[in-house]
Amino acid sequence: MSRFAIVFLVGLAVLAGAGGIWWYRSLAPAPTQWQGYAEADFVKIGPTQQGLLTEVAVHRGDLVALGAPLFAQDDRSDRAARDQAARQARQAQEQLANLQAAGKSTEIEQAEANLADARATLERTQLDLTRGEGLLPSGAITRQTLEQRRADFQSATARVAALTAALAQAQAPLGRDREIKGQEDAVRAAQSALEMAAWRLSQRKVASPVAGRVADVLALAGETLAAGAPVVSILPPGNIFVRFFVPEGDLANIHPGDAVALSCDGCAGSLPAQISFISPQVEYTPPVIYSESSRAKLVFMIEARMSPDRAALLNPGQPVMVRPVGAAAPQ
């Protein structure tokens, strides 16, 4: 090959290389997007107290509404405890009513009759004394007789006072103030015990605190469970979110509340979401972090959440691509 041909080929190669570099640099930058997956916060529901599981009303995959029955425990002991507490509360209330009540009606009527008789006697003795004091100057009555009438009047006065107090005592509550106050406290304590027993009984039948899909049934009827042991796992649609990882270099442009767009296999278009959490720690730390090459390996975990109706379109574990809103659509 001649020298001219070699020079021509070298020049052609240089021009081709320069053209390739210019073409590469003129290309639009690749869209910013990150890899992630769908994740979920499951609601695990268990009993509040130990007991025998007698019924599980749902199956895996069922859709349950808020307040739908989930499972039940044996409630015979709690039912008996509730009935016992109710009887004790009634007994305490009856004792309080007895202390607050007055004497028997027949006792009150007898005290009223005795007082009426004593008042009549007092009135008679007062008249006798007045008449005797008028007859004494004329000598129609002796001083001794007058003194006897004065003593009878004083005795009748004292008897009226005593029977008046007896009637007041019969009409007053049977218990003293401190006895009544102590029994009032006993009534409140019995009522609190009844409320506690009723609450424990109500906890033996558990309803769903959320609406969603039953992800798993973790216990079966016939098992004895400890308090708090999960029986049913439910996934509300609003508890599905996306977890993705961004390089250290992109972290400065990401903030909580930023809008992102999600895309996945089978998704019709992109799904809008908002960043709800940015991990304060690096998920992967290489052995040497103070070099330009290793900095690219640093990634931070980010979470984004959607509205419940859109979150229901994803399944936990499903791969998802995330891009910031305003970035070019994936090619």
C-alpha atoms as a PDB file:
ATOM      1  CA  MET A   1       0.000   0.000   0.000  1.00  0.00           C
ATOM      2  CA  SER A   2       1.349   3.444  -0.922  1.00  0.00           C
ATOM      3  CA  ARG A   3       2.240   6.072   1.623  1.00  0.00           C
ATOM      4  CA  PHE A   4      -0.612   8.233   0.333  1.00  0.00           C
ATOM      5  CA  ALA A   5      -3.151   5.507   0.939  1.00  0.00           C
ATOM      6  CA  ILE A   6      -1.915   4.971   4.482  1.00  0.00           C
ATOM      7  CA  VAL A   7      -2.086   8.666   5.246  1.00  0.00           C
ATOM      8  CA  PHE A   8      -5.572   8.788   3.753  1.00  0.00           C
ATOM      9  CA  LEU A   9      -6.810   5.894   5.874  1.00  0.00           C
ATOM     10  CA  VAL A  10      -5.327   7.353   9.055  1.00  0.00           C
ATOM     11  CA  GLY A  11      -6.954  10.702   8.345  1.00  0.00           C
ATOM     12  CA  LEU A  12     -10.245   8.997   7.631  1.00  0.00           C
ATOM     13  CA  ALA A  13     -10.036   7.123  10.926  1.00  0.00           C
ATOM     14  CA  VAL A  14      -9.268  10.345  12.813  1.00  0.00           C
ATOM     15  CA  LEU A  15     -12.235  12.076  11.189  1.00  0.00           C
ATOM     16  CA  ALA A  16     -14.507   9.146  12.015  1.00  0.00           C
ATOM     17  CA  GLY A  17     -13.357   9.183  15.629  1.00  0.00           C
ATOM     18  CA  ALA A  18     -13.886  12.915  15.926  1.00  0.00           C
ATOM     19  CA  GLY A  19     -17.325  12.591  14.354  1.00  0.00           C
ATOM     20  CA  GLY A  20     -18.211   9.811  16.773  1.00  0.00           C
ATOM     21  CA  ILE A  21     -17.149  11.894  19.749  1.00  0.00           C
ATOM     22  CA  TRP A  22     -19.175  14.871  18.488  1.00  0.00           C
ATOM     23  CA  TRP A  23     -22.216  12.659  17.911  1.00  0.00           C
ATOM     24  CA  TYR A  24     -21.944  11.126  21.368  1.00  0.00           C
ATOM     25  CA  ARG A  25     -21.642  14.503  23.026  1.00  0.00           C
ATOM     26  CA  SER A  26     -24.617  15.866  21.092  1.00  0.00           C
ATOM     27  CA  LEU A  27     -26.891  13.098  22.347  1.00  0.00           C
ATOM     28  CA  ALA A  28     -29.481  13.995  25.028  1.00  0.00           C
ATOM     29  CA  PRO A  29     -28.434  12.830  28.492  1.00  0.00           C
ATOM     30  CA  ALA A  30     -29.949   9.588  29.660  1.00  0.00           C
ATOM     31  CA  PRO A  31     -33.067  10.089  31.802  1.00  0.00           C
ATOM     32  CA  THR A  32     -32.587  10.006  35.557  1.00  0.00           C
ATOM     33  CA  GLN A  33     -34.254   6.949  36.999  1.00  0.00           C
ATOM     34  CA  TRP A  34     -33.633   4.577  39.865  1.00  0.00           C
ATOM     35  CA  GLN A  35     -34.458   0.981  40.556  1.00  0.00           C
ATOM     36  CA  GLY A  36     -36.742   0.000  43.406  1.00  0.00           C
ATOM     37  CA  TYR A  37     -39.493  -2.341  44.494  1.00  0.00           C
ATOM     38  CA  ALA A  38     -42.896  -2.213  46.161  1.00  0.00           C
ATOM     39  CA  GLU A  39     -42.978  -2.739  49.920  1.00  0.00           C
ATOM     40  CA  ALA A  40     -45.795  -2.780  52.479  1.00  0.00           C
ATOM     41  CA  ASP A  41     -46.561  -2.286  56.155  1.00  0.00           C
ATOM     42  CA  PHE A  42     -48.723  -5.225  57.204  1.00  0.00           C
ATOM     43  CA  VAL A  43     -51.149  -4.868  60.116  1.00  0.00           C
ATOM     44  CA  LYS A  44     -50.826  -7.943  62.326  1.00  0.00           C
ATOM     45  CA  ILE A  45     -53.807  -8.417  64.616  1.00  0.00           C
ATOM     46  CA  GLY A  46     -53.777 -10.621  67.717  1.00  0.00           C
ATOM     47  CA  PRO A  47     -55.719 -11.036  70.972  1.00  0.00           C
ATOM     48  CA  THR A  48     -55.212  -8.702  73.901  1.00  0.00           C
ATOM     49  CA  GLN A  49     -55.174 -11.607  76.370  1.00  0.00           C
ATOM     50  CA  GLN A  50     -54.187 -15.246  76.460  1.00  0.00           C
ATOM     51  CA  GLY A  51     -56.846 -17.770  75.522  1.00  0.00           C
ATOM     52  CA  LEU A  52     -58.094 -20.610  73.347  1.00  0.00           C
ATOM     53  CA  LEU A  53     -58.824 -19.658  69.743  1.00  0.00           C
ATOM     54  CA  THR A  54     -62.293 -20.993  68.911  1.00  0.00           C
ATOM     55  CA  GLU A  55     -62.998 -19.441  65.504  1.00  0.00           C
ATOM     56  CA  VAL A  56     -61.204 -17.754  62.602  1.00  0.00           C
ATOM     57  CA  ALA A  57     -63.720 -16.014  60.335  1.00  0.00           C
ATOM     58  CA  VAL A  58     -61.440 -15.054  57.409  1.00  0.00           C
ATOM     59  CA  HIS A  59     -59.186 -16.781  54.903  1.00  0.00           C
ATOM     60  CA  ARG A  60     -56.043 -15.751  53.099  1.00  0.00           C
ATOM     61  CA  GLY A  61     -56.865 -13.389  50.240  1.00  0.00           C
ATOM     62  CA  ASP A  62     -60.227 -12.226  51.628  1.00  0.00           C
ATOM     63  CA  LEU A  63     -61.177  -8.578  51.398  1.00  0.00           C
ATOM     64  CA  VAL A  64     -62.345  -7.358  54.810  1.00  0.00           C
ATOM     65  CA  ALA A  65     -64.090  -4.137  55.733  1.00  0.00           C
ATOM     66  CA  LEU A  66     -63.445  -2.003  58.775  1.00  0.00           C
ATOM     67  CA  GLY A  67     -65.101  -3.683  61.760  1.00  0.00           C
ATOM     68  CA  ALA A  68     -65.527  -7.081  60.083  1.00  0.00           C
ATOM     69  CA  PRO A  69     -65.199 -10.058  62.489  1.00  0.00           C
ATOM     70  CA  LEU A  70     -61.794 -11.759  62.335  1.00  0.00           C
ATOM     71  CA  PHE A  71     -61.559 -14.351  65.110  1.00  0.00           C
ATOM     72  CA  ALA A  72     -62.922 -15.290  68.530  1.00  0.00           C
ATOM     73  CA  GLN A  73     -61.592 -16.835  71.745  1.00  0.00           C
ATOM     74  CA  ASP A  74     -63.226 -18.962  74.416  1.00  0.00           C
ATOM     75  CA  ASP A  75     -65.103 -16.502  76.664  1.00  0.00           C
ATOM     76  CA  ARG A  76     -66.687 -18.715  79.337  1.00  0.00           C
ATOM     77  CA  SER A  77     -64.447 -17.552  82.186  1.00  0.00           C
ATOM     78  CA  ASP A  78     -64.786 -13.894  81.190  1.00  0.00           C
ATOM     79  CA  ARG A  79     -68.551 -14.221  80.948  1.00  0.00           C
ATOM     80  CA  ALA A  80     -68.688 -15.698  84.475  1.00  0.00           C
ATOM     81  CA  ALA A  81     -66.388 -12.941  85.766  1.00  0.00           C
ATOM     82  CA  ARG A  82     -68.645 -10.300  84.192  1.00  0.00           C
ATOM     83  CA  ASP A  83     -71.750 -11.809  85.824  1.00  0.00           C
ATOM     84  CA  GLN A  84     -70.000 -12.000  89.221  1.00  0.00           C
ATOM     85  CA  ALA A  85     -68.905  -8.367  88.968  1.00  0.00           C
ATOM     86  CA  ALA A  86     -72.458  -7.339  88.038  1.00  0.00           C
ATOM     87  CA  ARG A  87     -73.886  -9.070  91.117  1.00  0.00           C
ATOM     88  CA  GLN A  88     -71.266  -7.483  93.382  1.00  0.00           C
ATOM     89  CA  ALA A  89     -72.040  -4.058  91.923  1.00  0.00           C
ATOM     90  CA  ARG A  90     -75.766  -4.538  92.609  1.00  0.00           C
ATOM     91  CA  GLN A  91     -75.043  -5.695  96.173  1.00  0.00           C
ATOM     92  CA  ALA A  92     -72.867  -2.637  96.851  1.00  0.00           C
ATOM     93  CA  GLN A  93     -75.571  -0.358  95.447  1.00  0.00           C
ATOM     94  CA  GLU A  94     -78.234  -1.954  97.639  1.00  0.00           C
ATOM     95  CA  GLN A  95     -76.062  -1.553 100.741  1.00  0.00           C
ATOM     96  CA  LEU A  96     -75.577   2.116  99.910  1.00  0.00           C
ATOM     97  CA  ALA A  97     -79.313   2.585  99.424  1.00  0.00           C
ATOM     98  CA  ASN A  98     -79.924   0.925 102.795  1.00  0.00           C
ATOM     99  CA  LEU A  99     -77.492   3.291 104.549  1.00  0.00           C
ATOM    100  CA  GLN A 100     -79.023   6.318 102.837  1.00  0.00           C
ATOM    101  CA  ALA A 101     -82.593   5.269 103.663  1.00  0.00           C
ATOM    102  CA  ALA A 102     -84.513   6.318 106.795  1.00  0.00           C
ATOM    103  CA  GLY A 103     -86.075   3.931 109.325  1.00  0.00           C
ATOM    104  CA  LYS A 104     -89.042   1.723 108.562  1.00  0.00           C
ATOM    105  CA  SER A 105     -92.325   3.472 107.906  1.00  0.00           C
ATOM    106  CA  THR A 106     -93.935   1.760 110.923  1.00  0.00           C
ATOM    107  CA  GLU A 107     -91.121   2.987 113.177  1.00  0.00           C
ATOM    108  CA  ILE A 108     -91.575   6.536 111.906  1.00  0.00           C
ATOM    109  CA  GLU A 109     -95.351   6.360 112.436  1.00  0.00           C
ATOM    110  CA  GLN A 110     -94.822   5.084 115.993  1.00  0.00           C
ATOM    111  CA  ALA A 111     -92.381   7.929 116.731  1.00  0.00           C
ATOM    112  CA  GLU A 112     -94.836  10.474 115.367  1.00  0.00           C
ATOM    113  CA  ALA A 113     -97.651   9.035 117.555  1.00  0.00           C
ATOM    114  CA  ASN A 114     -95.472   9.091 120.676  1.00  0.00           C
ATOM    115  CA  LEU A 115     -94.539  12.709 119.983  1.00  0.00           C
ATOM    116  CA  ALA A 116     -98.175  13.672 119.494  1.00  0.00           C
ATOM    117  CA  ASP A 117     -99.078  12.050 122.835  1.00  0.00           C
ATOM    118  CA  ALA A 118     -96.227  13.827 124.588  1.00  0.00           C
ATOM    119  CA  ARG A 119     -97.284  17.183 123.163  1.00  0.00           C
ATOM    120  CA  ALA A 120    -100.826  16.612 124.373  1.00  0.00           C
ATOM    121  CA  THR A 121     -99.515  15.818 127.857  1.00  0.00           C
ATOM    122  CA  LEU A 122     -97.339  18.926 127.753  1.00  0.00           C
ATOM    123  CA  GLU A 123    -100.316  21.058 126.833  1.00  0.00           C
ATOM    124  CA  ARG A 124    -102.414  19.585 129.699  1.00  0.00           C
ATOM    125  CA  THR A 125     -99.683  20.034 132.314  1.00  0.00           C
ATOM    126  CA  GLN A 126     -99.133  23.616 131.195  1.00  0.00           C
ATOM    127  CA  LEU A 127    -102.841  24.388 131.675  1.00  0.00           C
ATOM    128  CA  ASP A 128    -102.825  22.727 135.120  1.00  0.00           C
ATOM    129  CA  LEU A 129     -99.787  24.766 136.147  1.00  0.00           C
ATOM    130  CA  THR A 130    -101.326  28.011 134.978  1.00  0.00           C
ATOM    131  CA  ARG A 131    -104.600  27.277 136.786  1.00  0.00           C
ATOM    132  CA  GLY A 132    -102.765  26.319 140.014  1.00  0.00           C
ATOM    133  CA  GLU A 133    -100.706  29.511 139.979  1.00  0.00           C
ATOM    134  CA  GLY A 134    -104.000  31.446 139.817  1.00  0.00           C
ATOM    135  CA  LEU A 135    -105.598  29.544 142.702  1.00  0.00           C
ATOM    136  CA  LEU A 136    -102.613  29.673 145.063  1.00  0.00           C
ATOM    137  CA  PRO A 137    -103.297  33.243 146.446  1.00  0.00           C
ATOM    138  CA  SER A 138    -106.862  32.298 147.421  1.00  0.00           C
ATOM    139  CA  GLY A 139    -105.717  29.165 149.214  1.00  0.00           C
ATOM    140  CA  ALA A 140    -107.780  26.852 146.964  1.00  0.00           C
ATOM    141  CA  ILE A 141    -104.642  24.888 146.260  1.00  0.00           C
ATOM    142  CA  THR A 142    -101.690  24.057 148.377  1.00  0.00           C
ATOM    143  CA  ARG A 143     -98.149  25.045 147.474  1.00  0.00           C
ATOM    144  CA  GLN A 144     -97.161  21.386 147.443  1.00  0.00           C
ATOM    145  CA  THR A 145     -99.767  20.636 144.792  1.00  0.00           C
ATOM    146  CA  LEU A 146     -98.557  23.581 142.755  1.00  0.00           C
ATOM    147  CA  GLU A 147     -94.977  22.355 142.903  1.00  0.00           C
ATOM    148  CA  GLN A 148     -96.125  18.918 141.731  1.00  0.00           C
ATOM    149  CA  ARG A 149     -97.883  20.483 138.754  1.00  0.00           C
ATOM    150  CA  ARG A 150     -94.724  22.472 137.913  1.00  0.00           C
ATOM    151  CA  ALA A 151     -92.684  19.257 138.012  1.00  0.00           C
ATOM    152  CA  ASP A 152     -95.197  17.503 135.769  1.00  0.00           C
ATOM    153  CA  PHE A 153     -94.943  20.343 133.260  1.00  0.00           C
ATOM    154  CA  GLN A 154     -91.126  20.196 133.208  1.00  0.00           C
ATOM    155  CA  SER A 155     -91.216  16.421 132.760  1.00  0.00           C
ATOM    156  CA  ALA A 156     -93.642  16.735 129.846  1.00  0.00           C
ATOM    157  CA  THR A 157     -91.427  19.371 128.236  1.00  0.00           C
ATOM    158  CA  ALA A 158     -88.398  17.097 128.468  1.00  0.00           C
ATOM    159  CA  ARG A 159     -90.339  14.152 127.068  1.00  0.00           C
ATOM    160  CA  VAL A 160     -91.472  16.206 124.029  1.00  0.00           C
ATOM    161  CA  ALA A 161     -87.851  17.175 123.349  1.00  0.00           C
ATOM    162  CA  ALA A 162     -86.721  13.532 123.610  1.00  0.00           C
ATOM    163  CA  LEU A 163     -89.458  12.234 121.318  1.00  0.00           C
ATOM    164  CA  THR A 164     -88.784  15.024 118.794  1.00  0.00           C
ATOM    165  CA  ALA A 165     -85.157  13.857 118.610  1.00  0.00           C
ATOM    166  CA  ALA A 166     -86.303  10.246 118.291  1.00  0.00           C
ATOM    167  CA  LEU A 167     -88.528  11.116 115.321  1.00  0.00           C
ATOM    168  CA  ALA A 168     -85.660  12.989 113.633  1.00  0.00           C
ATOM    169  CA  GLN A 169     -83.428   9.969 114.171  1.00  0.00           C
ATOM    170  CA  ALA A 170     -86.031   7.651 112.602  1.00  0.00           C
ATOM    171  CA  GLN A 171     -86.354   9.947 109.581  1.00  0.00           C
ATOM    172  CA  ALA A 172     -82.560  10.339 109.106  1.00  0.00           C
ATOM    173  CA  PRO A 173     -80.389   7.906 107.055  1.00  0.00           C
ATOM    174  CA  LEU A 174     -79.427   4.766 108.916  1.00  0.00           C
ATOM    175  CA  GLY A 175     -75.711   5.168 108.203  1.00  0.00           C
ATOM    176  CA  ARG A 176     -73.376   7.819 109.484  1.00  0.00           C
ATOM    177  CA  ASP A 177     -71.781  10.252 107.034  1.00  0.00           C
ATOM    178  CA  ARG A 178     -68.478   8.363 106.984  1.00  0.00           C
ATOM    179  CA  GLU A 179     -70.244   5.041 106.516  1.00  0.00           C
ATOM    180  CA  ILE A 180     -72.190   6.409 103.566  1.00  0.00           C
ATOM    181  CA  LYS A 181     -69.070   7.928 101.987  1.00  0.00           C
ATOM    182  CA  GLY A 182     -67.174   4.655 102.377  1.00  0.00           C
ATOM    183  CA  GLN A 183     -70.023   2.722 100.787  1.00  0.00           C
ATOM    184  CA  GLU A 184     -70.171   5.203  97.903  1.00  0.00           C
ATOM    185  CA  ASP A 185     -66.487   4.460  97.258  1.00  0.00           C
ATOM    186  CA  ALA A 186     -67.289   0.735  97.368  1.00  0.00           C
ATOM    187  CA  VAL A 187     -70.031   1.237  94.764  1.00  0.00           C
ATOM    188  CA  ARG A 188     -67.629   3.058  92.440  1.00  0.00           C
ATOM    189  CA  ALA A 189     -65.008   0.333  92.871  1.00  0.00           C
ATOM    190  CA  ALA A 190     -67.579  -2.364  92.086  1.00  0.00           C
ATOM    191  CA  GLN A 191     -68.717  -0.445  88.988  1.00  0.00           C
ATOM    192  CA  SER A 192     -65.110  -0.145  87.771  1.00  0.00           C
ATOM    193  CA  ALA A 193     -64.624  -3.891  88.275  1.00  0.00           C
ATOM    194  CA  LEU A 194     -67.777  -4.520  86.244  1.00  0.00           C
ATOM    195  CA  GLU A 195     -66.554  -2.279  83.421  1.00  0.00           C
ATOM    196  CA  MET A 196     -63.193  -4.066  83.392  1.00  0.00           C
ATOM    197  CA  ALA A 197     -64.848  -7.487  83.265  1.00  0.00           C
ATOM    198  CA  ALA A 198     -67.147  -6.343  80.444  1.00  0.00           C
ATOM    199  CA  TRP A 199     -64.168  -4.993  78.481  1.00  0.00           C
ATOM    200  CA  ARG A 200     -62.241  -8.248  78.872  1.00  0.00           C
ATOM    201  CA  LEU A 201     -65.282 -10.146  77.628  1.00  0.00           C
ATOM    202  CA  SER A 202     -65.639  -7.842  74.606  1.00  0.00           C
ATOM    203  CA  GLN A 203     -61.998  -8.475  73.659  1.00  0.00           C
ATOM    204  CA  ARG A 204     -62.681 -12.171  73.093  1.00  0.00           C
ATOM    205  CA  LYS A 205     -64.282 -11.312  69.732  1.00  0.00           C
ATOM    206  CA  VAL A 206     -61.877  -9.330  67.574  1.00  0.00           C
ATOM    207  CA  ALA A 207     -62.936  -7.168  64.630  1.00  0.00           C
ATOM    208  CA  SER A 208     -60.724  -5.716  61.934  1.00  0.00           C
ATOM    209  CA  PRO A 209     -59.309  -2.282  62.817  1.00  0.00           C
ATOM    210  CA  VAL A 210     -58.625  -1.553  59.119  1.00  0.00           C
ATOM    211  CA  ALA A 211     -60.033  -2.324  55.704  1.00  0.00           C
ATOM    212  CA  GLY A 212     -57.836  -4.337  53.355  1.00  0.00           C
ATOM    213  CA  ARG A 213     -56.888  -7.755  52.077  1.00  0.00           C
ATOM    214  CA  VAL A 214     -56.013 -10.672  54.344  1.00  0.00           C
ATOM    215  CA  ALA A 215     -52.355 -11.367  53.565  1.00  0.00           C
ATOM    216  CA  ASP A 216     -52.019 -14.363  55.853  1.00  0.00           C
ATOM    217  CA  VAL A 217     -53.770 -16.362  58.591  1.00  0.00           C
ATOM    218  CA  LEU A 218     -51.159 -17.194  61.205  1.00  0.00           C
ATOM    219  CA  ALA A 219     -53.168 -19.319  63.666  1.00  0.00           C
ATOM    220  CA  LEU A 220     -56.045 -21.799  63.514  1.00  0.00           C
ATOM    221  CA  ALA A 221     -58.980 -22.621  65.759  1.00  0.00           C
ATOM    222  CA  GLY A 222     -57.963 -24.873  68.629  1.00  0.00           C
ATOM    223  CA  GLU A 223     -54.637 -23.165  69.312  1.00  0.00           C
ATOM    224  CA  THR A 224     -53.969 -21.474  72.648  1.00  0.00           C
ATOM    225  CA  LEU A 225     -52.373 -18.101  72.003  1.00  0.00           C
ATOM    226  CA  ALA A 226     -50.480 -15.695  74.202  1.00  0.00           C
ATOM    227  CA  ALA A 227     -51.568 -12.077  74.425  1.00  0.00           C
ATOM    228  CA  GLY A 228     -50.409 -10.174  71.348  1.00  0.00           C
ATOM    229  CA  ALA A 229     -49.616 -13.269  69.249  1.00  0.00           C
ATOM    230  CA  PRO A 230     -50.705 -12.417  65.654  1.00  0.00           C
ATOM    231  CA  VAL A 231     -53.628 -14.349  64.204  1.00  0.00           C
ATOM    232  CA  VAL A 232     -54.385 -12.413  61.005  1.00  0.00           C
ATOM    233  CA  SER A 233     -52.145 -10.219  58.845  1.00  0.00           C
ATOM    234  CA  ILE A 234     -53.998  -7.561  56.812  1.00  0.00           C
ATOM    235  CA  LEU A 235     -52.620  -5.308  54.093  1.00  0.00           C
ATOM    236  CA  PRO A 236     -54.505  -1.999  53.713  1.00  0.00           C
ATOM    237  CA  PRO A 237     -53.977  -0.485  50.232  1.00  0.00           C
ATOM    238  CA  GLY A 238     -52.658   2.723  51.738  1.00  0.00           C
ATOM    239  CA  ASN A 239     -49.832   0.804  53.438  1.00  0.00           C
ATOM    240  CA  ILE A 240     -48.149  -0.115  50.134  1.00  0.00           C
ATOM    241  CA  PHE A 241     -45.195   2.095  49.237  1.00  0.00           C
ATOM    242  CA  VAL A 242     -42.116   2.020  47.024  1.00  0.00           C
ATOM    243  CA  ARG A 243     -38.578   1.670  48.268  1.00  0.00           C
ATOM    244  CA  PHE A 244     -35.732   2.594  45.921  1.00  0.00           C
ATOM    245  CA  PHE A 245     -32.049   3.491  46.102  1.00  0.00           C
ATOM    246  CA  VAL A 246     -30.275   6.525  44.696  1.00  0.00           C
ATOM    247  CA  PRO A 247     -26.546   7.196  44.258  1.00  0.00           C
ATOM    248  CA  GLU A 248     -24.785   9.545  46.616  1.00  0.00           C
ATOM    249  CA  GLY A 249     -24.452  12.121  43.856  1.00  0.00           C
ATOM    250  CA  ASP A 250     -28.255  12.397  43.373  1.00  0.00           C
ATOM    251  CA  LEU A 251     -29.083  12.737  47.054  1.00  0.00           C
ATOM    252  CA  ALA A 252     -28.662  16.526  47.137  1.00  0.00           C
ATOM    253  CA  ASN A 253     -31.518  16.952  44.637  1.00  0.00           C
ATOM    254  CA  ILE A 254     -34.014  14.820  46.579  1.00  0.00           C
ATOM    255  CA  HIS A 255     -36.165  16.115  49.426  1.00  0.00           C
ATOM    256  CA  PRO A 256     -39.129  14.805  51.431  1.00  0.00           C
ATOM    257  CA  GLY A 257     -42.359  15.697  49.675  1.00  0.00           C
ATOM    258  CA  ASP A 258     -40.824  15.754  46.188  1.00  0.00           C
ATOM    259  CA  ALA A 259     -42.992  14.256  43.477  1.00  0.00           C
ATOM    260  CA  VAL A 260     -41.784  11.180  41.592  1.00  0.00           C
ATOM    261  CA  ALA A 261     -43.272   9.019  38.858  1.00  0.00           C
ATOM    262  CA  LEU A 262     -43.337   5.229  39.095  1.00  0.00           C
ATOM    263  CA  SER A 263     -43.441   2.741  36.255  1.00  0.00           C
ATOM    264  CA  CYS A 264     -43.696  -1.024  36.350  1.00  0.00           C
ATOM    265  CA  ASP A 265     -44.593  -3.996  34.177  1.00  0.00           C
ATOM    266  CA  GLY A 266     -48.323  -4.005  33.646  1.00  0.00           C
ATOM    267  CA  CYS A 267     -48.822  -0.449  34.925  1.00  0.00           C
ATOM    268  CA  ALA A 268     -50.890   1.729  32.597  1.00  0.00           C
ATOM    269  CA  GLY A 269     -48.691   4.809  32.395  1.00  0.00           C
ATOM    270  CA  SER A 270     -46.814   6.250  35.332  1.00  0.00           C
ATOM    271  CA  LEU A 271     -48.047   6.370  38.891  1.00  0.00           C
ATOM    272  CA  PRO A 272     -47.573   9.632  40.825  1.00  0.00           C
ATOM    273  CA  ALA A 273     -46.050   9.407  44.296  1.00  0.00           C
ATOM    274  CA  GLN A 274     -44.328  11.571  46.885  1.00  0.00           C
ATOM    275  CA  ILE A 275     -41.097  10.962  48.730  1.00  0.00           C
ATOM    276  CA  SER A 276     -41.982  10.244  52.369  1.00  0.00           C
ATOM    277  CA  PHE A 277     -38.644   9.128  53.825  1.00  0.00           C
ATOM    278  CA  ILE A 278     -34.939   9.518  53.108  1.00  0.00           C
ATOM    279  CA  SER A 279     -32.613   7.246  55.009  1.00  0.00           C
ATOM    280  CA  PRO A 280     -30.010   9.140  57.037  1.00  0.00           C
ATOM    281  CA  GLN A 281     -27.534   6.287  56.592  1.00  0.00           C
ATOM    282  CA  VAL A 282     -25.756   4.832  53.589  1.00  0.00           C
ATOM    283  CA  GLU A 283     -27.079   1.394  52.644  1.00  0.00           C
ATOM    284  CA  TYR A 284     -23.756   0.157  51.207  1.00  0.00           C
ATOM    285  CA  THR A 285     -20.352   1.363  52.325  1.00  0.00           C
ATOM    286  CA  PRO A 286     -17.324   0.087  50.349  1.00  0.00           C
ATOM    287  CA  PRO A 287     -14.018  -0.575  52.138  1.00  0.00           C
ATOM    288  CA  VAL A 288     -12.487   2.731  50.963  1.00  0.00           C
ATOM    289  CA  ILE A 289     -14.916   5.633  50.741  1.00  0.00           C
ATOM    290  CA  TYR A 290     -12.518   8.493  50.092  1.00  0.00           C
ATOM    291  CA  SER A 291     -12.018   7.896  46.395  1.00  0.00           C
ATOM    292  CA  GLU A 292     -13.917   9.095  43.343  1.00  0.00           C
ATOM    293  CA  SER A 293     -14.526   5.549  42.092  1.00  0.00           C
ATOM    294  CA  SER A 294     -15.960   4.256  45.346  1.00  0.00           C
ATOM    295  CA  ARG A 295     -18.245   7.241  45.938  1.00  0.00           C
ATOM    296  CA  ALA A 296     -20.430   6.083  43.056  1.00  0.00           C
ATOM    297  CA  LYS A 297     -21.185   2.903  44.980  1.00  0.00           C
ATOM    298  CA  LEU A 298     -22.778   4.776  47.885  1.00  0.00           C
ATOM    299  CA  VAL A 299     -26.572   4.484  47.750  1.00  0.00           C
ATOM    300  CA  PHE A 300     -29.284   5.815  50.065  1.00  0.00           C
ATOM    301  CA  MET A 301     -32.659   4.206  50.668  1.00  0.00           C
ATOM    302  CA  ILE A 302     -35.665   6.367  49.751  1.00  0.00           C
ATOM    303  CA  GLU A 303     -39.375   5.662  50.285  1.00  0.00           C
ATOM    304  CA  ALA A 304     -42.296   7.115  48.327  1.00  0.00           C
ATOM    305  CA  ARG A 305     -46.008   6.706  48.964  1.00  0.00           C
ATOM    306  CA  MET A 306     -49.089   6.948  46.776  1.00  0.00           C
ATOM    307  CA  SER A 307     -52.801   7.402  47.304  1.00  0.00           C
ATOM    308  CA  PRO A 308     -54.525   4.155  48.410  1.00  0.00           C
ATOM    309  CA  ASP A 309     -56.298   3.636  45.078  1.00  0.00           C
ATOM    310  CA  ARG A 310     -53.014   3.794  43.161  1.00  0.00           C
ATOM    311  CA  ALA A 311     -51.056   1.863  45.781  1.00  0.00           C
ATOM    312  CA  ALA A 312     -53.469  -1.044  45.305  1.00  0.00           C
ATOM    313  CA  LEU A 313     -52.096  -1.480  41.765  1.00  0.00           C
ATOM    314  CA  LEU A 314     -48.745  -2.693  43.147  1.00  0.00           C
ATOM    315  CA  ASN A 315     -47.856  -5.891  44.947  1.00  0.00           C
ATOM    316  CA  PRO A 316     -45.134  -6.109  47.609  1.00  0.00           C
ATOM    317  CA  GLY A 317     -41.851  -7.174  46.041  1.00  0.00           C
ATOM    318  CA  GLN A 318     -42.779  -5.995  42.547  1.00  0.00           C
ATOM    319  CA  PRO A 319     -39.867  -4.248  40.694  1.00  0.00           C
ATOM    320  CA  VAL A 320     -40.461  -0.553  40.031  1.00  0.00           C
ATOM    321  CA  MET A 321     -38.598   2.171  38.162  1.00  0.00           C
ATOM    322  CA  VAL A 322     -38.641   5.637  39.741  1.00  0.00           C
ATOM    323  CA  ARG A 323     -37.876   8.944  38.116  1.00  0.00           C
ATOM    324  CA  PRO A 324     -38.245  12.496  39.349  1.00  0.00           C
ATOM    325  CA  VAL A 325     -41.182  14.422  37.938  1.00  0.00           C
ATOM    326  CA  GLY A 326     -40.025  16.642  35.110  1.00  0.00           C
ATOM    327  CA  ALA A 327     -37.316  14.236  33.932  1.00  0.00           C
ATOM    328  CA  ALA A 328     -37.508  12.841  30.448  1.00  0.00           C
ATOM    329  CA  ALA A 329     -39.604   9.751  30.023  1.00  0.00           C
ATOM    330  CA  PRO A 330     -37.712   6.482  29.744  1.00  0.00           C
ATOM    331  CA  GLN A 331     -36.797   5.594  26.204  1.00  0.00           C
END
